């Protein structure tokens, strides 16, 4: 069975054609857990299977986290998926629509090989994130007797964005408090958790605890949510370079406190790691 592994800023994915998936004789959640296992499988943060049988977009996808759970959207995964289906000629043009659980996304393969994705509009209504408290911005959440102030935002999947002081260690915070916040009662569907350091008005650093994955080297939707939160706080410009442990992405959002119904654009790399045959 032929498999492909790709990565975007170190966020890695196993990609299978649907016919190859059928050979596994497993349900998709079990296939994700088996293939993404870094000791007994290929090893990845998620499993992606193109869906060519979709009516209201050029193509669709099935996306699963490494623990077998579904994710409504994944920015790094979308970039890898876009390059894969374009190279496989599953789509006809370098800009096309993709049906996801978060709605229709529009990636574009750029001339330099990077992929730009229209990630749609940020979701700020608590009931749609979903987030149980009525106030989702500047919300104070308590874990392990520590209070973090953050912003609950959805980019098709829920995020809790926390800005920290320059001297704090982002990775240590994400590892220690990410899993506690992920499962907090305020988030009925759990949440991704971002810890952010602002370097300047157009540069930030970010570490993420991903729902269903744990620590990953990059999170595209998390980068989008972080920039949206920073713009709403008035501390970031509308075009921001986001440094993740695995690389750098660029986020553009023309929105502000008054006009939030603007699309977010994510631009970054998507690279092949290997193709192989799985026994």
C-alpha atoms as a PDB file:
ATOM      1  CA  UNK A   1       0.000   0.000   0.000  1.00  0.00           C
ATOM      2  CA  UNK A   2       1.519   3.307  -1.083  1.00  0.00           C
ATOM      3  CA  UNK A   3       1.678   6.100   1.479  1.00  0.00           C
ATOM      4  CA  UNK A   4       2.982   9.660   1.451  1.00  0.00           C
ATOM      5  CA  UNK A   5       4.294  11.646   4.388  1.00  0.00           C
ATOM      6  CA  UNK A   6       4.349  15.449   4.291  1.00  0.00           C
ATOM      7  CA  UNK A   7       5.075  18.225   6.749  1.00  0.00           C
ATOM      8  CA  UNK A   8       4.306  21.903   7.132  1.00  0.00           C
ATOM      9  CA  UNK A   9       6.644  23.642   9.595  1.00  0.00           C
ATOM     10  CA  UNK A  10       7.231  20.268  11.258  1.00  0.00           C
ATOM     11  CA  UNK A  11       3.525  19.451  11.642  1.00  0.00           C
ATOM     12  CA  UNK A  12       3.534  16.056   9.888  1.00  0.00           C
ATOM     13  CA  UNK A  13       0.837  14.016   8.164  1.00  0.00           C
ATOM     14  CA  UNK A  14       0.291  10.653   6.533  1.00  0.00           C
ATOM     15  CA  UNK A  15      -1.666  11.011   3.293  1.00  0.00           C
ATOM     16  CA  UNK A  16      -3.461   8.073   1.670  1.00  0.00           C
ATOM     17  CA  UNK A  17      -5.583   7.847  -1.434  1.00  0.00           C
ATOM     18  CA  UNK A  18      -9.021   6.454  -0.622  1.00  0.00           C
ATOM     19  CA  UNK A  19      -8.349   3.179  -2.485  1.00  0.00           C
ATOM     20  CA  UNK A  20      -5.208   2.659  -0.412  1.00  0.00           C
ATOM     21  CA  UNK A  21      -7.152   3.322   2.777  1.00  0.00           C
ATOM     22  CA  UNK A  22      -9.661   0.582   1.883  1.00  0.00           C
ATOM     23  CA  UNK A  23      -6.825  -1.970   1.865  1.00  0.00           C
ATOM     24  CA  UNK A  24      -6.297  -1.391   5.583  1.00  0.00           C
ATOM     25  CA  UNK A  25      -9.724  -2.866   6.343  1.00  0.00           C
ATOM     26  CA  UNK A  26     -10.016  -0.504   9.319  1.00  0.00           C
ATOM     27  CA  UNK A  27     -12.338   2.341  10.271  1.00  0.00           C
ATOM     28  CA  UNK A  28     -10.726   5.751   9.715  1.00  0.00           C
ATOM     29  CA  UNK A  29     -10.189   6.524  13.436  1.00  0.00           C
ATOM     30  CA  UNK A  30      -8.402   3.202  13.929  1.00  0.00           C
ATOM     31  CA  UNK A  31      -6.384   3.739  10.748  1.00  0.00           C
ATOM     32  CA  UNK A  32      -5.263   7.126  12.071  1.00  0.00           C
ATOM     33  CA  UNK A  33      -4.128   5.686  15.395  1.00  0.00           C
ATOM     34  CA  UNK A  34      -2.280   2.813  13.678  1.00  0.00           C
ATOM     35  CA  UNK A  35      -0.517   4.835  10.984  1.00  0.00           C
ATOM     36  CA  UNK A  36       0.299   7.855  13.155  1.00  0.00           C
ATOM     37  CA  UNK A  37       1.908   5.781  15.910  1.00  0.00           C
ATOM     38  CA  UNK A  38       5.577   6.820  15.964  1.00  0.00           C
ATOM     39  CA  UNK A  39       6.793   3.423  17.201  1.00  0.00           C
ATOM     40  CA  UNK A  40       4.589   0.832  15.486  1.00  0.00           C
ATOM     41  CA  UNK A  41       3.438   2.865  12.491  1.00  0.00           C
ATOM     42  CA  UNK A  42       4.701   5.634  10.228  1.00  0.00           C
ATOM     43  CA  UNK A  43       4.457   8.409  12.784  1.00  0.00           C
ATOM     44  CA  UNK A  44       2.536  11.639  12.254  1.00  0.00           C
ATOM     45  CA  UNK A  45       0.319  14.243  13.888  1.00  0.00           C
ATOM     46  CA  UNK A  46      -2.595  13.345  11.647  1.00  0.00           C
ATOM     47  CA  UNK A  47      -4.034  11.259   8.810  1.00  0.00           C
ATOM     48  CA  UNK A  48      -5.427  12.847   5.629  1.00  0.00           C
ATOM     49  CA  UNK A  49      -7.489  11.052   2.969  1.00  0.00           C
ATOM     50  CA  UNK A  50      -8.665  12.988  -0.115  1.00  0.00           C
ATOM     51  CA  UNK A  51     -12.379  12.743  -0.868  1.00  0.00           C
ATOM     52  CA  UNK A  52     -13.027  13.131  -4.577  1.00  0.00           C
ATOM     53  CA  UNK A  53     -16.729  12.373  -4.160  1.00  0.00           C
ATOM     54  CA  UNK A  54     -17.961  15.778  -3.024  1.00  0.00           C
ATOM     55  CA  UNK A  55     -20.636  17.908  -4.666  1.00  0.00           C
ATOM     56  CA  UNK A  56     -20.226  21.473  -3.376  1.00  0.00           C
ATOM     57  CA  UNK A  57     -16.437  21.910  -3.653  1.00  0.00           C
ATOM     58  CA  UNK A  58     -13.652  20.886  -6.019  1.00  0.00           C
ATOM     59  CA  UNK A  59     -12.487  18.258  -3.537  1.00  0.00           C
ATOM     60  CA  UNK A  60     -12.924  17.278   0.109  1.00  0.00           C
ATOM     61  CA  UNK A  61     -10.894  15.551   2.778  1.00  0.00           C
ATOM     62  CA  UNK A  62     -11.136  13.223   5.740  1.00  0.00           C
ATOM     63  CA  UNK A  63      -8.870  14.477   8.523  1.00  0.00           C
ATOM     64  CA  UNK A  64      -8.066  12.667  11.776  1.00  0.00           C
ATOM     65  CA  UNK A  65      -5.720  13.499  14.634  1.00  0.00           C
ATOM     66  CA  UNK A  66      -3.177  10.924  15.776  1.00  0.00           C
ATOM     67  CA  UNK A  67      -5.509   9.780  18.586  1.00  0.00           C
ATOM     68  CA  UNK A  68      -8.285   8.984  16.104  1.00  0.00           C
ATOM     69  CA  UNK A  69     -10.372  12.060  16.847  1.00  0.00           C
ATOM     70  CA  UNK A  70     -11.639  14.280  14.052  1.00  0.00           C
ATOM     71  CA  UNK A  71     -10.531  17.881  13.595  1.00  0.00           C
ATOM     72  CA  UNK A  72     -12.722  20.400  11.828  1.00  0.00           C
ATOM     73  CA  UNK A  73      -9.730  22.153  10.295  1.00  0.00           C
ATOM     74  CA  UNK A  74      -5.919  22.105  10.222  1.00  0.00           C
ATOM     75  CA  UNK A  75      -3.990  24.876   8.497  1.00  0.00           C
ATOM     76  CA  UNK A  76      -0.692  23.031   8.108  1.00  0.00           C
ATOM     77  CA  UNK A  77      -2.522  19.911   7.011  1.00  0.00           C
ATOM     78  CA  UNK A  78      -4.468  21.914   4.444  1.00  0.00           C
ATOM     79  CA  UNK A  79      -1.267  23.253   2.877  1.00  0.00           C
ATOM     80  CA  UNK A  80       0.166  19.741   2.578  1.00  0.00           C
ATOM     81  CA  UNK A  81      -3.130  18.397   1.277  1.00  0.00           C
ATOM     82  CA  UNK A  82      -3.340  21.188  -1.309  1.00  0.00           C
ATOM     83  CA  UNK A  83       0.117  20.484  -2.716  1.00  0.00           C
ATOM     84  CA  UNK A  84      -0.546  16.729  -2.717  1.00  0.00           C
ATOM     85  CA  UNK A  85      -3.859  16.835  -4.625  1.00  0.00           C
ATOM     86  CA  UNK A  86      -2.483  19.429  -7.056  1.00  0.00           C
ATOM     87  CA  UNK A  87       0.603  17.335  -7.818  1.00  0.00           C
ATOM     88  CA  UNK A  88      -1.569  14.207  -8.133  1.00  0.00           C
ATOM     89  CA  UNK A  89      -3.805  16.123 -10.571  1.00  0.00           C
ATOM     90  CA  UNK A  90      -6.854  15.482  -8.423  1.00  0.00           C
ATOM     91  CA  UNK A  91      -7.679  19.161  -9.012  1.00  0.00           C
ATOM     92  CA  UNK A  92      -7.323  21.080 -12.268  1.00  0.00           C
ATOM     93  CA  UNK A  93      -6.042  24.508 -11.169  1.00  0.00           C
ATOM     94  CA  UNK A  94      -3.582  25.898  -8.624  1.00  0.00           C
ATOM     95  CA  UNK A  95      -6.453  27.540  -6.693  1.00  0.00           C
ATOM     96  CA  UNK A  96      -9.426  25.425  -5.689  1.00  0.00           C
ATOM     97  CA  UNK A  97     -12.044  24.784  -3.013  1.00  0.00           C
ATOM     98  CA  UNK A  98     -11.883  22.103  -0.320  1.00  0.00           C
ATOM     99  CA  UNK A  99     -14.828  20.891   1.737  1.00  0.00           C
ATOM    100  CA  UNK A 100     -13.955  20.471   5.432  1.00  0.00           C
ATOM    101  CA  UNK A 101     -15.948  20.110   8.641  1.00  0.00           C
ATOM    102  CA  UNK A 102     -15.229  23.827   9.184  1.00  0.00           C
ATOM    103  CA  UNK A 103     -16.720  24.791   5.821  1.00  0.00           C
ATOM    104  CA  UNK A 104     -15.215  25.490   2.405  1.00  0.00           C
ATOM    105  CA  UNK A 105     -11.522  26.443   2.368  1.00  0.00           C
ATOM    106  CA  UNK A 106      -9.660  27.874  -0.633  1.00  0.00           C
ATOM    107  CA  UNK A 107      -5.937  27.064  -0.934  1.00  0.00           C
ATOM    108  CA  UNK A 108      -3.690  28.427  -3.669  1.00  0.00           C
ATOM    109  CA  UNK A 109      -0.329  27.015  -4.753  1.00  0.00           C
ATOM    110  CA  UNK A 110       1.994  30.013  -5.096  1.00  0.00           C
ATOM    111  CA  UNK A 111       4.757  30.413  -7.681  1.00  0.00           C
ATOM    112  CA  UNK A 112       7.436  30.008  -4.981  1.00  0.00           C
ATOM    113  CA  UNK A 113       5.996  26.662  -3.866  1.00  0.00           C
ATOM    114  CA  UNK A 114       4.398  27.986  -0.699  1.00  0.00           C
ATOM    115  CA  UNK A 115       0.664  27.545  -0.187  1.00  0.00           C
ATOM    116  CA  UNK A 116      -1.733  30.363   0.708  1.00  0.00           C
ATOM    117  CA  UNK A 117      -4.996  29.310   2.298  1.00  0.00           C
ATOM    118  CA  UNK A 118      -8.124  31.369   2.789  1.00  0.00           C
ATOM    119  CA  UNK A 119      -9.018  30.125   6.273  1.00  0.00           C
ATOM    120  CA  UNK A 120     -12.398  31.887   6.295  1.00  0.00           C
ATOM    121  CA  UNK A 121     -13.574  34.212   9.056  1.00  0.00           C
ATOM    122  CA  UNK A 122     -12.742  33.855  12.748  1.00  0.00           C
ATOM    123  CA  UNK A 123     -15.636  32.751  14.918  1.00  0.00           C
ATOM    124  CA  UNK A 124     -16.069  34.886  18.032  1.00  0.00           C
ATOM    125  CA  UNK A 125     -19.584  33.922  19.176  1.00  0.00           C
ATOM    126  CA  UNK A 126     -19.150  31.749  22.312  1.00  0.00           C
ATOM    127  CA  UNK A 127     -21.888  29.279  21.380  1.00  0.00           C
ATOM    128  CA  UNK A 128     -20.287  28.626  18.007  1.00  0.00           C
ATOM    129  CA  UNK A 129     -16.704  28.118  19.279  1.00  0.00           C
ATOM    130  CA  UNK A 130     -18.099  26.356  21.451  1.00  0.00           C
ATOM    131  CA  UNK A 131     -17.305  28.119  24.735  1.00  0.00           C
ATOM    132  CA  UNK A 132     -19.757  28.051  27.648  1.00  0.00           C
ATOM    133  CA  UNK A 133     -19.113  31.442  29.361  1.00  0.00           C
ATOM    134  CA  UNK A 134     -20.774  34.468  27.792  1.00  0.00           C
ATOM    135  CA  UNK A 135     -17.536  36.471  27.534  1.00  0.00           C
ATOM    136  CA  UNK A 136     -14.892  34.764  25.424  1.00  0.00           C
ATOM    137  CA  UNK A 137     -12.361  37.625  25.183  1.00  0.00           C
ATOM    138  CA  UNK A 138     -10.016  38.391  28.083  1.00  0.00           C
ATOM    139  CA  UNK A 139     -11.487  35.460  29.982  1.00  0.00           C
ATOM    140  CA  UNK A 140      -9.727  34.319  33.155  1.00  0.00           C
ATOM    141  CA  UNK A 141      -9.379  30.560  33.502  1.00  0.00           C
ATOM    142  CA  UNK A 142      -7.992  28.820  36.613  1.00  0.00           C
ATOM    143  CA  UNK A 143      -5.869  25.640  36.420  1.00  0.00           C
ATOM    144  CA  UNK A 144      -3.548  24.276  39.136  1.00  0.00           C
ATOM    145  CA  UNK A 145      -4.201  27.373  41.270  1.00  0.00           C
ATOM    146  CA  UNK A 146      -2.910  29.618  38.465  1.00  0.00           C
ATOM    147  CA  UNK A 147      -5.095  32.043  36.533  1.00  0.00           C
ATOM    148  CA  UNK A 148      -4.476  32.580  32.823  1.00  0.00           C
ATOM    149  CA  UNK A 149      -6.199  35.331  30.867  1.00  0.00           C
ATOM    150  CA  UNK A 150      -6.961  34.292  27.320  1.00  0.00           C
ATOM    151  CA  UNK A 151      -9.221  34.630  24.328  1.00  0.00           C
ATOM    152  CA  UNK A 152     -11.479  31.849  23.061  1.00  0.00           C
ATOM    153  CA  UNK A 153     -11.611  31.969  19.264  1.00  0.00           C
ATOM    154  CA  UNK A 154     -12.564  29.401  16.647  1.00  0.00           C
ATOM    155  CA  UNK A 155     -10.945  28.998  13.262  1.00  0.00           C
ATOM    156  CA  UNK A 156     -13.276  26.113  12.520  1.00  0.00           C
ATOM    157  CA  UNK A 157     -11.784  24.463  15.616  1.00  0.00           C
ATOM    158  CA  UNK A 158     -11.611  25.953  19.129  1.00  0.00           C
ATOM    159  CA  UNK A 159      -8.565  27.813  20.469  1.00  0.00           C
ATOM    160  CA  UNK A 160      -7.686  29.485  23.744  1.00  0.00           C
ATOM    161  CA  UNK A 161      -5.047  32.144  23.077  1.00  0.00           C
ATOM    162  CA  UNK A 162      -2.832  33.306  25.960  1.00  0.00           C
ATOM    163  CA  UNK A 163      -0.293  36.137  25.718  1.00  0.00           C
ATOM    164  CA  UNK A 164       2.591  35.806  28.176  1.00  0.00           C
ATOM    165  CA  UNK A 165       5.475  37.987  29.317  1.00  0.00           C
ATOM    166  CA  UNK A 166       8.775  37.938  27.354  1.00  0.00           C
ATOM    167  CA  UNK A 167      10.738  36.045  29.990  1.00  0.00           C
ATOM    168  CA  UNK A 168       8.377  33.058  30.244  1.00  0.00           C
ATOM    169  CA  UNK A 169       9.192  29.741  28.547  1.00  0.00           C
ATOM    170  CA  UNK A 170       6.480  29.065  25.956  1.00  0.00           C
ATOM    171  CA  UNK A 171       7.190  25.358  25.533  1.00  0.00           C
ATOM    172  CA  UNK A 172       7.211  24.663  29.274  1.00  0.00           C
ATOM    173  CA  UNK A 173       3.906  26.496  29.680  1.00  0.00           C
ATOM    174  CA  UNK A 174       2.339  24.572  26.795  1.00  0.00           C
ATOM    175  CA  UNK A 175       3.499  21.190  28.115  1.00  0.00           C
ATOM    176  CA  UNK A 176       2.472  21.848  31.721  1.00  0.00           C
ATOM    177  CA  UNK A 177      -0.785  23.739  31.379  1.00  0.00           C
ATOM    178  CA  UNK A 178      -1.936  22.930  27.842  1.00  0.00           C
ATOM    179  CA  UNK A 179      -3.520  19.559  28.699  1.00  0.00           C
ATOM    180  CA  UNK A 180      -5.275  21.046  31.735  1.00  0.00           C
ATOM    181  CA  UNK A 181      -6.803  23.902  29.758  1.00  0.00           C
ATOM    182  CA  UNK A 182      -7.640  21.585  26.834  1.00  0.00           C
ATOM    183  CA  UNK A 183     -10.070  19.645  29.010  1.00  0.00           C
ATOM    184  CA  UNK A 184     -11.448  22.578  31.038  1.00  0.00           C
ATOM    185  CA  UNK A 185     -15.202  22.588  31.560  1.00  0.00           C
ATOM    186  CA  UNK A 186     -15.545  25.853  29.628  1.00  0.00           C
ATOM    187  CA  UNK A 187     -14.829  23.936  26.404  1.00  0.00           C
ATOM    188  CA  UNK A 188     -17.452  21.226  25.771  1.00  0.00           C
ATOM    189  CA  UNK A 189     -15.502  19.953  22.736  1.00  0.00           C
ATOM    190  CA  UNK A 190     -12.065  20.550  24.339  1.00  0.00           C
ATOM    191  CA  UNK A 191      -9.698  23.154  22.884  1.00  0.00           C
ATOM    192  CA  UNK A 192      -6.313  23.875  21.394  1.00  0.00           C
ATOM    193  CA  UNK A 193      -4.168  26.094  23.633  1.00  0.00           C
ATOM    194  CA  UNK A 194      -1.719  28.744  22.401  1.00  0.00           C
ATOM    195  CA  UNK A 195       0.971  30.508  24.431  1.00  0.00           C
ATOM    196  CA  UNK A 196       2.253  33.621  22.639  1.00  0.00           C
ATOM    197  CA  UNK A 197       5.155  36.019  23.036  1.00  0.00           C
ATOM    198  CA  UNK A 198       4.911  39.327  21.159  1.00  0.00           C
ATOM    199  CA  UNK A 199       8.254  40.294  19.607  1.00  0.00           C
ATOM    200  CA  UNK A 200       6.960  43.371  17.745  1.00  0.00           C
ATOM    201  CA  UNK A 201       3.740  44.585  16.164  1.00  0.00           C
ATOM    202  CA  UNK A 202       4.338  42.323  13.163  1.00  0.00           C
ATOM    203  CA  UNK A 203       6.155  39.351  14.744  1.00  0.00           C
ATOM    204  CA  UNK A 204       5.122  36.833  17.402  1.00  0.00           C
ATOM    205  CA  UNK A 205       6.384  33.497  18.753  1.00  0.00           C
ATOM    206  CA  UNK A 206       3.959  30.690  19.460  1.00  0.00           C
ATOM    207  CA  UNK A 207       3.808  27.269  21.124  1.00  0.00           C
ATOM    208  CA  UNK A 208       0.693  25.130  20.921  1.00  0.00           C
ATOM    209  CA  UNK A 209      -0.861  22.281  22.815  1.00  0.00           C
ATOM    210  CA  UNK A 210      -3.092  20.707  20.164  1.00  0.00           C
ATOM    211  CA  UNK A 211      -6.362  19.049  21.034  1.00  0.00           C
ATOM    212  CA  UNK A 212      -5.997  15.350  20.286  1.00  0.00           C
ATOM    213  CA  UNK A 213      -2.236  15.580  19.523  1.00  0.00           C
ATOM    214  CA  UNK A 214      -0.395  17.289  22.356  1.00  0.00           C
ATOM    215  CA  UNK A 215       2.701  19.345  21.587  1.00  0.00           C
ATOM    216  CA  UNK A 216       3.270  19.816  17.854  1.00  0.00           C
ATOM    217  CA  UNK A 217       5.904  21.822  16.019  1.00  0.00           C
ATOM    218  CA  UNK A 218       3.294  23.994  14.305  1.00  0.00           C
ATOM    219  CA  UNK A 219      -0.427  24.752  14.205  1.00  0.00           C
ATOM    220  CA  UNK A 220      -1.815  26.818  11.347  1.00  0.00           C
ATOM    221  CA  UNK A 221      -5.235  27.508  12.835  1.00  0.00           C
ATOM    222  CA  UNK A 222      -3.515  28.353  16.123  1.00  0.00           C
ATOM    223  CA  UNK A 223      -1.323  30.911  14.352  1.00  0.00           C
ATOM    224  CA  UNK A 224      -4.461  32.425  12.802  1.00  0.00           C
ATOM    225  CA  UNK A 225      -6.294  32.574  16.137  1.00  0.00           C
ATOM    226  CA  UNK A 226      -3.257  34.138  17.827  1.00  0.00           C
ATOM    227  CA  UNK A 227      -2.983  36.943  15.265  1.00  0.00           C
ATOM    228  CA  UNK A 228      -6.720  37.635  15.354  1.00  0.00           C
ATOM    229  CA  UNK A 229      -6.566  37.880  19.161  1.00  0.00           C
ATOM    230  CA  UNK A 230      -3.550  40.188  18.992  1.00  0.00           C
ATOM    231  CA  UNK A 231      -5.238  42.493  16.478  1.00  0.00           C
ATOM    232  CA  UNK A 232      -8.384  42.620  18.606  1.00  0.00           C
ATOM    233  CA  UNK A 233      -6.203  43.552  21.590  1.00  0.00           C
ATOM    234  CA  UNK A 234      -4.698  46.370  19.526  1.00  0.00           C
ATOM    235  CA  UNK A 235      -1.108  45.128  19.799  1.00  0.00           C
ATOM    236  CA  UNK A 236      -0.563  43.603  16.330  1.00  0.00           C
ATOM    237  CA  UNK A 237      -0.704  44.870  12.764  1.00  0.00           C
ATOM    238  CA  UNK A 238      -2.843  43.233  10.086  1.00  0.00           C
ATOM    239  CA  UNK A 239       0.060  41.242   8.610  1.00  0.00           C
ATOM    240  CA  UNK A 240       2.114  39.196  11.078  1.00  0.00           C
ATOM    241  CA  UNK A 241       5.010  36.744  10.887  1.00  0.00           C
ATOM    242  CA  UNK A 242       4.429  33.859  13.291  1.00  0.00           C
ATOM    243  CA  UNK A 243       7.447  31.888  14.496  1.00  0.00           C
ATOM    244  CA  UNK A 244       6.554  28.342  15.530  1.00  0.00           C
ATOM    245  CA  UNK A 245       8.969  25.689  16.838  1.00  0.00           C
ATOM    246  CA  UNK A 246       8.964  24.078  13.381  1.00  0.00           C
ATOM    247  CA  UNK A 247       9.140  27.143  11.165  1.00  0.00           C
ATOM    248  CA  UNK A 248       7.527  30.423  10.146  1.00  0.00           C
ATOM    249  CA  UNK A 249       4.127  31.206   8.644  1.00  0.00           C
ATOM    250  CA  UNK A 250       2.556  34.511   7.622  1.00  0.00           C
ATOM    251  CA  UNK A 251      -0.938  35.515   8.714  1.00  0.00           C
ATOM    252  CA  UNK A 252      -2.966  38.309   7.111  1.00  0.00           C
ATOM    253  CA  UNK A 253      -6.245  39.579   8.556  1.00  0.00           C
ATOM    254  CA  UNK A 254      -7.836  42.875   7.542  1.00  0.00           C
ATOM    255  CA  UNK A 255     -10.284  42.797  10.451  1.00  0.00           C
ATOM    256  CA  UNK A 256     -10.471  44.850  13.647  1.00  0.00           C
ATOM    257  CA  UNK A 257     -12.686  45.266  16.713  1.00  0.00           C
ATOM    258  CA  UNK A 258     -15.474  46.788  14.629  1.00  0.00           C
ATOM    259  CA  UNK A 259     -15.176  44.705  11.478  1.00  0.00           C
ATOM    260  CA  UNK A 260     -14.497  41.093  12.417  1.00  0.00           C
ATOM    261  CA  UNK A 261     -16.146  39.489   9.376  1.00  0.00           C
ATOM    262  CA  UNK A 262     -12.958  39.428   7.297  1.00  0.00           C
ATOM    263  CA  UNK A 263     -11.257  36.288   6.022  1.00  0.00           C
ATOM    264  CA  UNK A 264      -7.941  35.170   7.505  1.00  0.00           C
ATOM    265  CA  UNK A 265      -5.146  34.137   5.135  1.00  0.00           C
ATOM    266  CA  UNK A 266      -2.384  31.689   6.075  1.00  0.00           C
ATOM    267  CA  UNK A 267       0.777  31.351   3.953  1.00  0.00           C
ATOM    268  CA  UNK A 268       3.542  28.845   4.542  1.00  0.00           C
ATOM    269  CA  UNK A 269       5.511  25.883   3.280  1.00  0.00           C
ATOM    270  CA  UNK A 270       4.387  22.335   2.534  1.00  0.00           C
ATOM    271  CA  UNK A 271       7.062  19.705   1.940  1.00  0.00           C
ATOM    272  CA  UNK A 272       7.229  16.041   1.024  1.00  0.00           C
ATOM    273  CA  UNK A 273       9.084  13.889   3.551  1.00  0.00           C
ATOM    274  CA  UNK A 274       8.875  10.552   1.743  1.00  0.00           C
ATOM    275  CA  UNK A 275       6.723   8.169  -0.239  1.00  0.00           C
ATOM    276  CA  UNK A 276       6.824   4.491   0.638  1.00  0.00           C
ATOM    277  CA  UNK A 277       5.054   1.160   0.555  1.00  0.00           C
ATOM    278  CA  UNK A 278       3.502  -0.028   3.798  1.00  0.00           C
ATOM    279  CA  UNK A 279       3.323  -3.765   4.478  1.00  0.00           C
END
